């Protein structure tokens, strides 16, 4: 009996090893739970071509927007754990959605396997330039004169763009109405068209319109000024104490994806992310390149969830 058990175990190990070594044998799908043209979509496509070259198979970007990124994230979480479906997403669906939503449809800590952190970026507070606001203090004063009359845009409930403005509202005592959109490009258009008066956005999408005068940037949400946006002061500098809201992007796979596949993806992606070419291209869209271990992504998810749980509880936010 022992001989047969040993033989079976050895054969199974050989089969598993062979399957892992053969991967990938067909195209890989990378789900981006935000629309084409959004910041996650831009960066995912930036990495898709070199990853395809490294793996020897096409990497197909599939946009699945909706519910602040939760729809596409759920689809990825429920996909087969065979290495042929990846998820490229931002922090919201991973760290704030589990607390905000009563019925989420997935558990980011149990249903997903982190691969690597891609990059980090501050948010930038943008306003309609027709308001003629020069700084955050002027925004607060102007909004207080018209309680309930102003709107602000976000990429969905629970996103960093949503929670950052809710923090500002709480700290400054503002009454501004939330208007969610499918992605950052739609928010920029809405702000430029005066449909909303303000928004917190990733600079990758906002700064082109800031530079051509269609939007006005008042502040960044990092603790300190960032090199690529050195002329824009922080929220803290302008009197909003302890205000920090950083956006970050990560790549994950469905839980139970074989560890050899996760490790292969991690090795290739970290090499790509840290390459001079990609670091420079990420910097050009205001992201600082990362490239981490899966365990570091898990630790970041846990620490960010803990921090934002406190904010969500203080603001008494909940979503269906």
Protein backbone atom coordinates (compact mmCIF):
# COMPACT_ATOMS: atom_id res chain seq x y z
CA UNK A 1 0.00 0.00 0.00
CA UNK A 2 2.81 2.38 0.96
CA UNK A 3 4.49 1.80 -2.41
CA UNK A 4 1.32 2.66 -4.32
CA UNK A 5 0.71 5.78 -2.20
CA UNK A 6 4.29 6.89 -2.80
CA UNK A 7 3.97 6.23 -6.54
CA UNK A 8 0.66 8.14 -6.75
CA UNK A 9 2.04 11.11 -4.79
CA UNK A 10 5.13 11.22 -6.99
CA UNK A 11 3.07 11.04 -10.17
CA UNK A 12 0.78 13.83 -8.92
CA UNK A 13 3.76 16.01 -8.08
CA UNK A 14 5.23 15.37 -11.52
CA UNK A 15 1.94 16.25 -13.22
CA UNK A 16 1.61 19.45 -11.18
CA UNK A 17 5.19 20.41 -11.92
CA UNK A 18 4.76 19.76 -15.62
CA UNK A 19 1.55 21.79 -15.78
CA UNK A 20 3.19 24.66 -13.92
CA UNK A 21 6.22 24.56 -16.20
CA UNK A 22 3.99 24.61 -19.30
CA UNK A 23 2.09 27.69 -18.18
CA UNK A 24 1.18 29.85 -20.02
CA UNK A 25 -0.05 27.98 -23.07
CA UNK A 26 -2.68 30.52 -24.19
CA UNK A 27 -3.49 34.24 -23.86
CA UNK A 28 -3.85 35.77 -20.40
CA UNK A 29 -6.75 38.06 -19.56
CA UNK A 30 -6.13 41.06 -17.30
CA UNK A 31 -9.38 42.49 -15.94
CA UNK A 32 -9.36 46.23 -15.27
CA UNK A 33 -12.54 47.13 -13.35
CA UNK A 34 -12.56 50.67 -14.72
CA UNK A 35 -13.25 52.10 -18.19
CA UNK A 36 -10.84 52.62 -21.05
CA UNK A 37 -8.83 55.79 -20.58
CA UNK A 38 -8.93 55.63 -16.80
CA UNK A 39 -5.72 55.66 -14.79
CA UNK A 40 -5.77 51.89 -14.06
CA UNK A 41 -6.43 51.20 -17.75
CA UNK A 42 -3.50 53.40 -18.81
CA UNK A 43 -1.04 51.66 -16.48
CA UNK A 44 -2.37 48.17 -17.19
CA UNK A 45 -1.80 48.68 -20.91
CA UNK A 46 1.64 50.09 -20.17
CA UNK A 47 2.59 46.80 -18.49
CA UNK A 48 0.64 44.46 -20.77
CA UNK A 49 3.02 44.53 -23.73
CA UNK A 50 6.28 43.81 -21.84
CA UNK A 51 4.51 41.15 -19.74
CA UNK A 52 3.27 39.45 -22.91
CA UNK A 53 6.79 39.48 -24.28
CA UNK A 54 8.19 38.00 -21.06
CA UNK A 55 5.59 35.22 -20.91
CA UNK A 56 5.42 34.47 -24.63
CA UNK A 57 1.63 34.85 -24.74
CA UNK A 58 -0.68 37.81 -25.44
CA UNK A 59 -2.01 39.75 -22.44
CA UNK A 60 -5.52 40.94 -23.23
CA UNK A 61 -6.85 43.92 -21.27
CA UNK A 62 -10.56 43.58 -20.51
CA UNK A 63 -12.36 46.60 -19.04
CA UNK A 64 -15.21 45.73 -16.66
CA UNK A 65 -16.28 49.02 -15.05
CA UNK A 66 -19.04 49.55 -12.53
CA UNK A 67 -19.79 49.99 -8.81
CA UNK A 68 -16.49 51.72 -8.10
CA UNK A 69 -14.51 48.78 -9.44
CA UNK A 70 -16.37 46.12 -7.49
CA UNK A 71 -18.02 44.44 -10.50
CA UNK A 72 -14.80 43.65 -12.31
CA UNK A 73 -13.03 42.76 -9.07
CA UNK A 74 -15.77 40.24 -8.24
CA UNK A 75 -15.51 38.71 -11.72
CA UNK A 76 -11.77 38.28 -11.31
CA UNK A 77 -12.16 36.83 -7.82
CA UNK A 78 -14.63 34.25 -9.12
CA UNK A 79 -12.50 33.23 -12.12
CA UNK A 80 -10.66 29.93 -12.37
CA UNK A 81 -7.38 30.02 -10.40
CA UNK A 82 -5.30 28.80 -13.33
CA UNK A 83 -3.12 31.83 -14.05
CA UNK A 84 -5.11 32.90 -17.11
CA UNK A 85 -7.10 35.64 -15.36
CA UNK A 86 -5.42 38.55 -13.58
CA UNK A 87 -6.83 41.65 -11.89
CA UNK A 88 -5.35 45.14 -12.20
CA UNK A 89 -7.09 47.39 -9.70
CA UNK A 90 -6.79 50.32 -7.32
CA UNK A 91 -7.03 50.38 -3.54
CA UNK A 92 -10.78 51.03 -3.22
CA UNK A 93 -12.15 47.58 -4.15
CA UNK A 94 -9.47 45.96 -1.97
CA UNK A 95 -9.48 48.05 1.20
CA UNK A 96 -12.57 50.23 1.61
CA UNK A 97 -15.28 48.30 -0.27
CA UNK A 98 -15.42 45.45 2.30
CA UNK A 99 -16.37 47.94 5.02
CA UNK A 100 -18.60 50.19 2.95
CA UNK A 101 -20.74 47.59 1.19
CA UNK A 102 -23.16 45.33 3.03
CA UNK A 103 -23.24 42.81 0.16
CA UNK A 104 -19.97 42.93 -1.73
CA UNK A 105 -19.89 39.54 -3.47
CA UNK A 106 -16.20 38.87 -2.78
CA UNK A 107 -13.67 38.98 0.04
CA UNK A 108 -10.41 40.56 -1.17
CA UNK A 109 -8.41 38.86 1.58
CA UNK A 110 -9.75 35.35 0.92
CA UNK A 111 -10.76 35.39 -2.74
CA UNK A 112 -7.70 37.05 -4.28
CA UNK A 113 -3.98 36.29 -4.35
CA UNK A 114 -1.78 39.42 -4.45
CA UNK A 115 1.08 39.44 -6.95
CA UNK A 116 2.69 42.90 -6.74
CA UNK A 117 2.14 46.55 -5.98
CA UNK A 118 2.58 48.50 -9.21
CA UNK A 119 2.77 52.15 -8.20
CA UNK A 120 1.55 54.94 -5.94
CA UNK A 121 0.31 58.45 -6.64
CA UNK A 122 -1.19 61.30 -4.63
CA UNK A 123 -4.60 62.56 -5.57
CA UNK A 124 -4.99 66.14 -6.75
CA UNK A 125 -7.88 68.40 -5.77
CA UNK A 126 -9.22 69.96 -8.96
CA UNK A 127 -11.95 72.55 -9.41
CA UNK A 128 -13.82 74.26 -12.21
CA UNK A 129 -11.53 77.18 -13.20
CA UNK A 130 -14.57 79.37 -13.81
CA UNK A 131 -14.95 79.54 -10.01
CA UNK A 132 -11.71 81.58 -9.83
CA UNK A 133 -10.50 79.79 -6.69
CA UNK A 134 -6.82 80.17 -5.78
CA UNK A 135 -6.50 77.74 -2.86
CA UNK A 136 -8.32 75.30 -0.57
CA UNK A 137 -9.29 78.07 1.85
CA UNK A 138 -11.14 79.90 -0.90
CA UNK A 139 -12.88 76.67 -1.94
CA UNK A 140 -14.08 76.08 1.63
CA UNK A 141 -15.32 79.65 1.99
CA UNK A 142 -17.14 79.62 -1.37
CA UNK A 143 -18.80 76.24 -0.75
CA UNK A 144 -20.01 77.33 2.69
CA UNK A 145 -21.82 80.27 1.11
CA UNK A 146 -23.93 77.84 -0.95
CA UNK A 147 -24.70 74.79 1.23
CA UNK A 148 -26.09 71.91 -0.81
CA UNK A 149 -25.67 73.77 -4.12
CA UNK A 150 -22.28 72.39 -5.11
CA UNK A 151 -21.58 68.93 -6.50
CA UNK A 152 -18.37 66.92 -6.44
CA UNK A 153 -17.42 64.04 -8.73
CA UNK A 154 -15.82 60.70 -7.95
CA UNK A 155 -15.16 57.38 -9.68
CA UNK A 156 -17.63 55.64 -7.41
CA UNK A 157 -18.71 55.22 -3.83
CA UNK A 158 -15.89 53.90 -1.69
CA UNK A 159 -13.15 55.06 -4.03
CA UNK A 160 -10.30 57.27 -2.80
CA UNK A 161 -11.85 60.14 -4.75
CA UNK A 162 -15.08 59.68 -2.79
CA UNK A 163 -13.61 59.20 0.67
CA UNK A 164 -11.09 62.03 0.29
CA UNK A 165 -13.88 64.54 -0.36
CA UNK A 166 -15.97 63.12 2.46
CA UNK A 167 -12.98 63.67 4.77
CA UNK A 168 -12.70 67.26 3.57
CA UNK A 169 -16.43 67.78 4.04
CA UNK A 170 -16.20 66.45 7.59
CA UNK A 171 -13.13 68.45 8.57
CA UNK A 172 -14.23 71.72 6.94
CA UNK A 173 -17.96 71.42 7.65
CA UNK A 174 -19.05 71.47 4.00
CA UNK A 175 -22.36 70.47 2.41
CA UNK A 176 -21.46 69.26 -1.10
CA UNK A 177 -23.41 66.62 -3.06
CA UNK A 178 -21.68 63.44 -4.29
CA UNK A 179 -22.08 62.56 -7.99
CA UNK A 180 -20.40 59.24 -8.96
CA UNK A 181 -19.09 58.58 -12.48
CA UNK A 182 -17.80 55.48 -14.28
CA UNK A 183 -14.22 56.75 -14.45
CA UNK A 184 -11.87 59.71 -14.07
CA UNK A 185 -12.19 60.91 -17.70
CA UNK A 186 -15.91 61.43 -17.13
CA UNK A 187 -15.19 63.35 -13.92
CA UNK A 188 -12.76 65.69 -15.68
CA UNK A 189 -15.31 66.47 -18.39
CA UNK A 190 -18.04 67.04 -15.79
CA UNK A 191 -15.82 69.44 -13.83
CA UNK A 192 -14.71 71.36 -16.91
CA UNK A 193 -18.37 71.62 -17.97
CA UNK A 194 -19.43 72.92 -14.50
CA UNK A 195 -21.65 69.88 -13.86
CA UNK A 196 -19.57 69.36 -10.70
CA UNK A 197 -17.48 72.00 -8.98
CA UNK A 198 -14.66 69.90 -7.51
CA UNK A 199 -13.10 66.45 -7.35
CA UNK A 200 -10.15 64.53 -6.02
CA UNK A 201 -8.46 62.79 -8.95
CA UNK A 202 -5.30 60.96 -9.89
CA UNK A 203 -3.03 63.42 -11.72
CA UNK A 204 -2.41 60.96 -14.56
CA UNK A 205 -5.78 61.93 -15.98
CA UNK A 206 -6.29 65.42 -14.54
CA UNK A 207 -3.01 67.22 -15.21
CA UNK A 208 -3.29 67.47 -18.99
CA UNK A 209 -6.51 69.47 -18.56
CA UNK A 210 -4.95 71.47 -15.74
CA UNK A 211 -2.02 72.40 -17.97
CA UNK A 212 -4.28 73.60 -20.77
CA UNK A 213 -6.47 75.61 -18.42
CA UNK A 214 -9.61 73.45 -18.51
CA UNK A 215 -9.19 72.55 -14.82
CA UNK A 216 -7.57 74.21 -11.81
CA UNK A 217 -5.43 72.19 -9.36
CA UNK A 218 -5.50 73.43 -5.76
CA UNK A 219 -3.69 70.74 -3.75
CA UNK A 220 -2.16 67.28 -3.60
CA UNK A 221 -3.18 64.75 -0.95
CA UNK A 222 0.25 63.44 0.04
CA UNK A 223 1.84 64.40 3.38
CA UNK A 224 4.63 66.19 1.53
CA UNK A 225 4.91 67.75 -1.91
CA UNK A 226 5.86 65.31 -4.66
CA UNK A 227 8.68 65.80 -7.13
CA UNK A 228 6.54 65.61 -10.26
CA UNK A 229 3.99 68.12 -8.89
CA UNK A 230 6.30 70.29 -6.82
CA UNK A 231 4.43 73.53 -7.59
CA UNK A 232 1.16 72.25 -6.07
CA UNK A 233 0.92 72.58 -2.25
CA UNK A 234 -0.45 69.82 -0.02
CA UNK A 235 -3.80 69.89 1.76
CA UNK A 236 -1.87 69.94 5.05
CA UNK A 237 0.08 73.05 4.00
CA UNK A 238 -3.26 74.76 3.41
CA UNK A 239 -4.63 74.10 6.87
CA UNK A 240 -6.41 70.74 6.48
CA UNK A 241 -4.69 68.84 9.30
CA UNK A 242 -3.36 65.28 8.81
CA UNK A 243 -5.00 65.02 5.38
CA UNK A 244 -3.57 62.16 3.34
CA UNK A 245 -5.21 60.06 0.62
CA UNK A 246 -2.84 58.12 -1.62
CA UNK A 247 -3.97 56.08 -4.62
CA UNK A 248 -2.16 52.85 -5.43
CA UNK A 249 -2.49 50.09 -7.98
CA UNK A 250 -1.83 46.38 -7.67
CA UNK A 251 -2.05 43.18 -9.68
CA UNK A 252 -3.72 40.13 -8.20
CA UNK A 253 -4.98 36.70 -9.26
CA UNK A 254 -7.87 34.54 -8.03
CA UNK A 255 -7.16 32.84 -4.73
CA UNK A 256 -5.67 29.34 -5.00
CA UNK A 257 -3.75 30.23 -8.16
CA UNK A 258 -0.73 27.89 -7.91
CA UNK A 259 2.14 29.56 -6.06
CA UNK A 260 4.66 28.76 -8.84
CA UNK A 261 2.51 30.80 -11.24
CA UNK A 262 2.17 33.67 -8.74
CA UNK A 263 5.94 33.63 -8.22
CA UNK A 264 6.62 33.64 -11.96
CA UNK A 265 4.25 36.55 -12.48
CA UNK A 266 5.78 38.41 -9.56
CA UNK A 267 9.32 37.95 -10.85
CA UNK A 268 8.46 39.12 -14.36
CA UNK A 269 6.30 42.03 -13.25
CA UNK A 270 8.75 43.34 -10.64
CA UNK A 271 11.49 43.26 -13.29
CA UNK A 272 9.23 45.18 -15.70
CA UNK A 273 7.99 47.73 -13.13
CA UNK A 274 11.50 48.50 -11.89
CA UNK A 275 13.00 48.82 -15.37
CA UNK A 276 14.19 52.30 -16.30
CA UNK A 277 11.74 52.49 -19.20
CA UNK A 278 8.65 51.73 -17.12
CA UNK A 279 9.82 53.80 -14.13
CA UNK A 280 10.21 56.81 -16.41
CA UNK A 281 6.87 56.24 -18.10
CA UNK A 282 5.12 55.86 -14.73
CA UNK A 283 6.80 59.04 -13.52
CA UNK A 284 5.55 60.85 -16.63
CA UNK A 285 1.99 60.12 -15.48
CA UNK A 286 2.79 61.02 -11.84
CA UNK A 287 3.18 57.51 -10.45
CA UNK A 288 6.10 56.26 -8.39
CA UNK A 289 7.02 52.74 -9.47
CA UNK A 290 6.90 50.03 -6.80
CA UNK A 291 7.34 46.31 -7.49
CA UNK A 292 6.92 44.29 -4.30
CA UNK A 293 6.41 40.78 -2.96
CA UNK A 294 2.88 39.36 -2.67
CA UNK A 295 3.25 39.49 1.11
CA UNK A 296 3.97 43.23 1.00
CA UNK A 297 0.75 43.78 -0.94
CA UNK A 298 -1.20 41.84 1.70
CA UNK A 299 0.39 43.91 4.47
CA UNK A 300 -0.49 47.14 2.64
CA UNK A 301 -4.08 46.00 2.13
CA UNK A 302 -4.41 45.25 5.85
CA UNK A 303 -2.88 48.53 7.02
CA UNK A 304 -4.90 50.61 4.54
CA UNK A 305 -8.12 48.83 5.49
CA UNK A 306 -7.48 49.53 9.15
CA UNK A 307 -6.80 53.22 8.48
CA UNK A 308 -9.83 53.75 6.22
CA UNK A 309 -12.11 51.72 8.49
CA UNK A 310 -11.60 54.46 11.08
CA UNK A 311 -12.51 57.15 8.55
CA UNK A 312 -15.58 55.27 7.33
CA UNK A 313 -16.75 54.64 10.90
CA UNK A 314 -16.24 58.29 11.85
CA UNK A 315 -18.20 59.45 8.82
CA UNK A 316 -20.85 56.75 9.35
CA UNK A 317 -20.73 55.74 5.68
CA UNK A 318 -22.45 52.63 4.38
CA UNK A 319 -23.49 51.53 0.89
CA UNK A 320 -25.85 48.95 -0.56
